[in-house]
């Protein structure tokens, strides 16, 4: 099984993933951000393809390819369920990764944690992100893009505690 926990920065993905871990036997967290950080160090801006020269590592074609390949290797090597927290709001990346995950494991669940821009900004500030920084700059476009019906299983987190989110996810995956 692969459980994708999607949402804007500050929606509660990582917290939910970490707290979900003990409730999903034989599971591990796979955070594709780590692949992005690695690629950002390895592939200089000058070496990137023209359309990849942005401030978002998700624009690197290799990122989505390595995300799927890494998930496949984790599944085949460790035979564990994957819990995957990630902000993925660009449709072409989502389609590629979701369909790639489906080829790896027929049991793929996608949950999109949503919240208002005000809630997200408040949470980002509370967790110590720099006001006006990169994550804050992504809020409005993430909120708008993630309304797309392709990001099914929306869970509005504005008024929910993490335990409530876990109950919803656990009910849907059981």
C-alpha atoms as a PDB file:
ATOM      1  CA  UNK A   1       0.000   0.000   0.000  1.00  0.00           C
ATOM      2  CA  UNK A   2       1.108   3.548  -0.719  1.00  0.00           C
ATOM      3  CA  UNK A   3      -0.544   6.411   1.162  1.00  0.00           C
ATOM      4  CA  UNK A   4       0.033   9.817  -0.416  1.00  0.00           C
ATOM      5  CA  UNK A   5      -0.604  12.731   1.940  1.00  0.00           C
ATOM      6  CA  UNK A   6      -0.711  15.839  -0.201  1.00  0.00           C
ATOM      7  CA  UNK A   7      -1.438  19.473   0.609  1.00  0.00           C
ATOM      8  CA  UNK A   8      -0.041  22.969   0.694  1.00  0.00           C
ATOM      9  CA  UNK A   9       2.870  23.877   2.931  1.00  0.00           C
ATOM     10  CA  UNK A  10       1.473  24.079   6.462  1.00  0.00           C
ATOM     11  CA  UNK A  11      -1.501  21.781   5.812  1.00  0.00           C
ATOM     12  CA  UNK A  12      -0.213  19.176   8.272  1.00  0.00           C
ATOM     13  CA  UNK A  13       1.154  16.499   5.915  1.00  0.00           C
ATOM     14  CA  UNK A  14       4.362  15.663   7.753  1.00  0.00           C
ATOM     15  CA  UNK A  15       2.701  15.712  11.160  1.00  0.00           C
ATOM     16  CA  UNK A  16      -0.083  13.439   9.911  1.00  0.00           C
ATOM     17  CA  UNK A  17       2.412  11.090   8.224  1.00  0.00           C
ATOM     18  CA  UNK A  18       4.569  10.776  11.341  1.00  0.00           C
ATOM     19  CA  UNK A  19       1.579  10.173  13.584  1.00  0.00           C
ATOM     20  CA  UNK A  20       0.035   7.714  11.105  1.00  0.00           C
ATOM     21  CA  UNK A  21       3.183   5.566  11.016  1.00  0.00           C
ATOM     22  CA  UNK A  22       2.492   3.533  14.206  1.00  0.00           C
ATOM     23  CA  UNK A  23      -1.076   2.797  13.038  1.00  0.00           C
ATOM     24  CA  UNK A  24      -0.014   1.282   9.705  1.00  0.00           C
ATOM     25  CA  UNK A  25       1.894  -1.915  10.480  1.00  0.00           C
ATOM     26  CA  UNK A  26       4.989  -2.641   8.391  1.00  0.00           C
ATOM     27  CA  UNK A  27       5.206   0.910   7.047  1.00  0.00           C
ATOM     28  CA  UNK A  28       7.827   3.596   6.515  1.00  0.00           C
ATOM     29  CA  UNK A  29       7.826   7.261   5.556  1.00  0.00           C
ATOM     30  CA  UNK A  30       9.169   8.192   2.148  1.00  0.00           C
ATOM     31  CA  UNK A  31       9.560  11.961   1.698  1.00  0.00           C
ATOM     32  CA  UNK A  32      10.283  12.909  -1.938  1.00  0.00           C
ATOM     33  CA  UNK A  33      11.492  16.319  -0.746  1.00  0.00           C
ATOM     34  CA  UNK A  34      14.754  14.590   0.134  1.00  0.00           C
ATOM     35  CA  UNK A  35      15.205  13.664  -3.540  1.00  0.00           C
ATOM     36  CA  UNK A  36      14.556  17.288  -4.444  1.00  0.00           C
ATOM     37  CA  UNK A  37      17.172  18.538  -1.992  1.00  0.00           C
ATOM     38  CA  UNK A  38      19.706  16.107  -3.416  1.00  0.00           C
ATOM     39  CA  UNK A  39      18.967  17.123  -7.009  1.00  0.00           C
ATOM     40  CA  UNK A  40      19.202  20.799  -6.129  1.00  0.00           C
ATOM     41  CA  UNK A  41      22.752  20.150  -4.903  1.00  0.00           C
ATOM     42  CA  UNK A  42      23.758  17.903  -7.801  1.00  0.00           C
ATOM     43  CA  UNK A  43      22.251  19.698 -10.802  1.00  0.00           C
ATOM     44  CA  UNK A  44      23.362  23.312 -10.971  1.00  0.00           C
ATOM     45  CA  UNK A  45      21.042  25.902 -12.457  1.00  0.00           C
ATOM     46  CA  UNK A  46      23.399  26.196 -15.428  1.00  0.00           C
ATOM     47  CA  UNK A  47      23.157  22.450 -16.097  1.00  0.00           C
ATOM     48  CA  UNK A  48      19.358  22.334 -15.925  1.00  0.00           C
ATOM     49  CA  UNK A  49      17.134  22.223 -18.961  1.00  0.00           C
ATOM     50  CA  UNK A  50      15.708  25.650 -19.766  1.00  0.00           C
ATOM     51  CA  UNK A  51      12.217  24.837 -18.436  1.00  0.00           C
ATOM     52  CA  UNK A  52      13.782  23.463 -15.220  1.00  0.00           C
ATOM     53  CA  UNK A  53      15.438  26.747 -14.255  1.00  0.00           C
ATOM     54  CA  UNK A  54      12.953  27.695 -11.553  1.00  0.00           C
ATOM     55  CA  UNK A  55      13.073  27.880  -7.774  1.00  0.00           C
ATOM     56  CA  UNK A  56      11.101  24.625  -7.470  1.00  0.00           C
ATOM     57  CA  UNK A  57      12.940  21.291  -7.627  1.00  0.00           C
ATOM     58  CA  UNK A  58       9.663  19.679  -8.697  1.00  0.00           C
ATOM     59  CA  UNK A  59      10.288  21.305 -12.086  1.00  0.00           C
ATOM     60  CA  UNK A  60      13.302  19.035 -12.561  1.00  0.00           C
ATOM     61  CA  UNK A  61      12.102  16.167 -14.734  1.00  0.00           C
ATOM     62  CA  UNK A  62      14.431  13.832 -12.886  1.00  0.00           C
ATOM     63  CA  UNK A  63      12.631  14.586  -9.601  1.00  0.00           C
ATOM     64  CA  UNK A  64       9.373  12.915 -10.545  1.00  0.00           C
ATOM     65  CA  UNK A  65      11.202  10.015 -12.243  1.00  0.00           C
ATOM     66  CA  UNK A  66      13.403   9.399  -9.194  1.00  0.00           C
ATOM     67  CA  UNK A  67      10.412   9.733  -6.870  1.00  0.00           C
ATOM     68  CA  UNK A  68       8.686   6.820  -8.590  1.00  0.00           C
ATOM     69  CA  UNK A  69      11.885   4.764  -8.968  1.00  0.00           C
ATOM     70  CA  UNK A  70      12.824   5.296  -5.333  1.00  0.00           C
ATOM     71  CA  UNK A  71       9.350   4.237  -4.203  1.00  0.00           C
ATOM     72  CA  UNK A  72       9.666   1.093  -6.327  1.00  0.00           C
ATOM     73  CA  UNK A  73      13.074   0.294  -4.840  1.00  0.00           C
ATOM     74  CA  UNK A  74      11.866   0.916  -1.285  1.00  0.00           C
ATOM     75  CA  UNK A  75       8.873  -1.372  -1.831  1.00  0.00           C
ATOM     76  CA  UNK A  76      10.874  -4.173  -3.451  1.00  0.00           C
ATOM     77  CA  UNK A  77      13.820  -4.005  -1.054  1.00  0.00           C
ATOM     78  CA  UNK A  78      12.044  -3.497   2.272  1.00  0.00           C
ATOM     79  CA  UNK A  79       8.522  -4.756   1.428  1.00  0.00           C
ATOM     80  CA  UNK A  80       6.896  -2.039   3.512  1.00  0.00           C
ATOM     81  CA  UNK A  81       3.873   0.177   3.013  1.00  0.00           C
ATOM     82  CA  UNK A  82       4.904   3.721   2.103  1.00  0.00           C
ATOM     83  CA  UNK A  83       3.502   6.849   3.697  1.00  0.00           C
ATOM     84  CA  UNK A  84       4.392   9.714   1.374  1.00  0.00           C
ATOM     85  CA  UNK A  85       3.926  13.316   2.583  1.00  0.00           C
ATOM     86  CA  UNK A  86       4.388  15.778  -0.270  1.00  0.00           C
ATOM     87  CA  UNK A  87       3.139  19.036  -1.678  1.00  0.00           C
ATOM     88  CA  UNK A  88       2.348  18.183  -5.274  1.00  0.00           C
ATOM     89  CA  UNK A  89      -0.019  20.597  -6.952  1.00  0.00           C
ATOM     90  CA  UNK A  90       1.241  20.554 -10.553  1.00  0.00           C
ATOM     91  CA  UNK A  91      -1.055  18.236 -12.470  1.00  0.00           C
ATOM     92  CA  UNK A  92       1.607  16.704 -14.752  1.00  0.00           C
ATOM     93  CA  UNK A  93       3.789  15.791 -11.770  1.00  0.00           C
ATOM     94  CA  UNK A  94       0.836  14.416  -9.852  1.00  0.00           C
ATOM     95  CA  UNK A  95      -0.341  12.286 -12.790  1.00  0.00           C
ATOM     96  CA  UNK A  96       3.156  10.902 -13.375  1.00  0.00           C
ATOM     97  CA  UNK A  97       3.773  10.039  -9.718  1.00  0.00           C
ATOM     98  CA  UNK A  98       0.278   8.751  -8.940  1.00  0.00           C
ATOM     99  CA  UNK A  99       0.248   6.514 -12.024  1.00  0.00           C
ATOM    100  CA  UNK A 100       3.811   5.399 -11.280  1.00  0.00           C
ATOM    101  CA  UNK A 101       2.811   4.482  -7.740  1.00  0.00           C
ATOM    102  CA  UNK A 102      -0.182   2.535  -9.140  1.00  0.00           C
ATOM    103  CA  UNK A 103       2.219   0.452 -11.241  1.00  0.00           C
ATOM    104  CA  UNK A 104       4.213  -0.323  -8.089  1.00  0.00           C
ATOM    105  CA  UNK A 105       1.263  -1.149  -5.839  1.00  0.00           C
ATOM    106  CA  UNK A 106      -2.413  -1.422  -6.783  1.00  0.00           C
ATOM    107  CA  UNK A 107      -3.386  -0.046  -3.354  1.00  0.00           C
ATOM    108  CA  UNK A 108      -2.596   3.656  -3.655  1.00  0.00           C
ATOM    109  CA  UNK A 109      -4.529   6.107  -1.529  1.00  0.00           C
ATOM    110  CA  UNK A 110      -4.290   9.846  -2.067  1.00  0.00           C
ATOM    111  CA  UNK A 111      -5.409  12.334   0.549  1.00  0.00           C
ATOM    112  CA  UNK A 112      -5.247  16.069   0.039  1.00  0.00           C
ATOM    113  CA  UNK A 113      -5.133  18.048   3.266  1.00  0.00           C
ATOM    114  CA  UNK A 114      -6.633  21.450   2.601  1.00  0.00           C
ATOM    115  CA  UNK A 115      -6.928  24.638   4.598  1.00  0.00           C
ATOM    116  CA  UNK A 116      -7.590  28.298   3.953  1.00  0.00           C
ATOM    117  CA  UNK A 117      -4.708  30.587   3.095  1.00  0.00           C
ATOM    118  CA  UNK A 118      -5.130  32.296   6.485  1.00  0.00           C
ATOM    119  CA  UNK A 119      -4.817  28.985   8.328  1.00  0.00           C
ATOM    120  CA  UNK A 120      -1.777  27.954   6.280  1.00  0.00           C
ATOM    121  CA  UNK A 121      -0.036  31.293   6.836  1.00  0.00           C
ATOM    122  CA  UNK A 122      -0.718  31.085  10.571  1.00  0.00           C
ATOM    123  CA  UNK A 123       0.682  27.538  10.737  1.00  0.00           C
ATOM    124  CA  UNK A 124       3.781  28.442   8.723  1.00  0.00           C
ATOM    125  CA  UNK A 125       4.436  31.340  11.078  1.00  0.00           C
ATOM    126  CA  UNK A 126       3.884  29.132  14.139  1.00  0.00           C
ATOM    127  CA  UNK A 127       6.353  26.508  12.914  1.00  0.00           C
ATOM    128  CA  UNK A 128       8.984  29.205  12.412  1.00  0.00           C
ATOM    129  CA  UNK A 129       9.092  29.658   8.630  1.00  0.00           C
ATOM    130  CA  UNK A 130      10.360  33.051   7.516  1.00  0.00           C
ATOM    131  CA  UNK A 131       7.371  35.361   6.851  1.00  0.00           C
ATOM    132  CA  UNK A 132       7.278  36.165   3.155  1.00  0.00           C
ATOM    133  CA  UNK A 133       9.642  33.252   2.442  1.00  0.00           C
ATOM    134  CA  UNK A 134       9.317  30.609  -0.246  1.00  0.00           C
ATOM    135  CA  UNK A 135       6.655  28.495   1.522  1.00  0.00           C
ATOM    136  CA  UNK A 136       4.492  31.564   2.119  1.00  0.00           C
ATOM    137  CA  UNK A 137       4.827  32.494  -1.560  1.00  0.00           C
ATOM    138  CA  UNK A 138       3.413  29.092  -2.557  1.00  0.00           C
ATOM    139  CA  UNK A 139       0.259  29.255  -0.428  1.00  0.00           C
ATOM    140  CA  UNK A 140      -2.168  30.947  -2.824  1.00  0.00           C
ATOM    141  CA  UNK A 141      -1.201  28.897  -5.877  1.00  0.00           C
ATOM    142  CA  UNK A 142      -1.310  25.657  -3.879  1.00  0.00           C
ATOM    143  CA  UNK A 143      -4.727  26.447  -2.415  1.00  0.00           C
ATOM    144  CA  UNK A 144      -6.097  27.238  -5.891  1.00  0.00           C
ATOM    145  CA  UNK A 145      -4.485  24.300  -7.690  1.00  0.00           C
ATOM    146  CA  UNK A 146      -5.383  21.698  -5.076  1.00  0.00           C
ATOM    147  CA  UNK A 147      -9.099  22.420  -5.548  1.00  0.00           C
ATOM    148  CA  UNK A 148      -8.863  20.436  -8.802  1.00  0.00           C
ATOM    149  CA  UNK A 149     -11.003  17.277  -8.500  1.00  0.00           C
ATOM    150  CA  UNK A 150      -7.988  15.165  -9.535  1.00  0.00           C
ATOM    151  CA  UNK A 151      -6.697  15.682  -6.003  1.00  0.00           C
ATOM    152  CA  UNK A 152      -9.546  13.578  -4.621  1.00  0.00           C
ATOM    153  CA  UNK A 153     -10.134  12.737  -1.005  1.00  0.00           C
ATOM    154  CA  UNK A 154      -9.904  16.307   0.254  1.00  0.00           C
ATOM    155  CA  UNK A 155      -9.722  16.636   4.006  1.00  0.00           C
ATOM    156  CA  UNK A 156     -10.333  20.169   5.243  1.00  0.00           C
ATOM    157  CA  UNK A 157      -7.980  20.611   8.187  1.00  0.00           C
ATOM    158  CA  UNK A 158      -8.878  24.150   9.303  1.00  0.00           C
ATOM    159  CA  UNK A 159     -10.869  22.934  12.287  1.00  0.00           C
ATOM    160  CA  UNK A 160      -9.436  19.437  12.715  1.00  0.00           C
ATOM    161  CA  UNK A 161      -6.878  18.089  15.135  1.00  0.00           C
ATOM    162  CA  UNK A 162      -4.270  15.624  13.870  1.00  0.00           C
ATOM    163  CA  UNK A 163      -6.165  12.779  15.591  1.00  0.00           C
ATOM    164  CA  UNK A 164      -9.259  13.644  13.517  1.00  0.00           C
ATOM    165  CA  UNK A 165      -7.235  13.543  10.289  1.00  0.00           C
ATOM    166  CA  UNK A 166      -5.768  10.170  11.285  1.00  0.00           C
ATOM    167  CA  UNK A 167      -9.241   8.748  11.959  1.00  0.00           C
ATOM    168  CA  UNK A 168     -10.424   9.845   8.503  1.00  0.00           C
ATOM    169  CA  UNK A 169      -7.375   8.376   6.745  1.00  0.00           C
ATOM    170  CA  UNK A 170      -7.457   5.112   8.717  1.00  0.00           C
ATOM    171  CA  UNK A 171     -11.150   4.644   7.983  1.00  0.00           C
ATOM    172  CA  UNK A 172     -10.606   5.099   4.236  1.00  0.00           C
ATOM    173  CA  UNK A 173      -7.600   2.778   3.978  1.00  0.00           C
ATOM    174  CA  UNK A 174      -9.157  -0.061   6.004  1.00  0.00           C
END
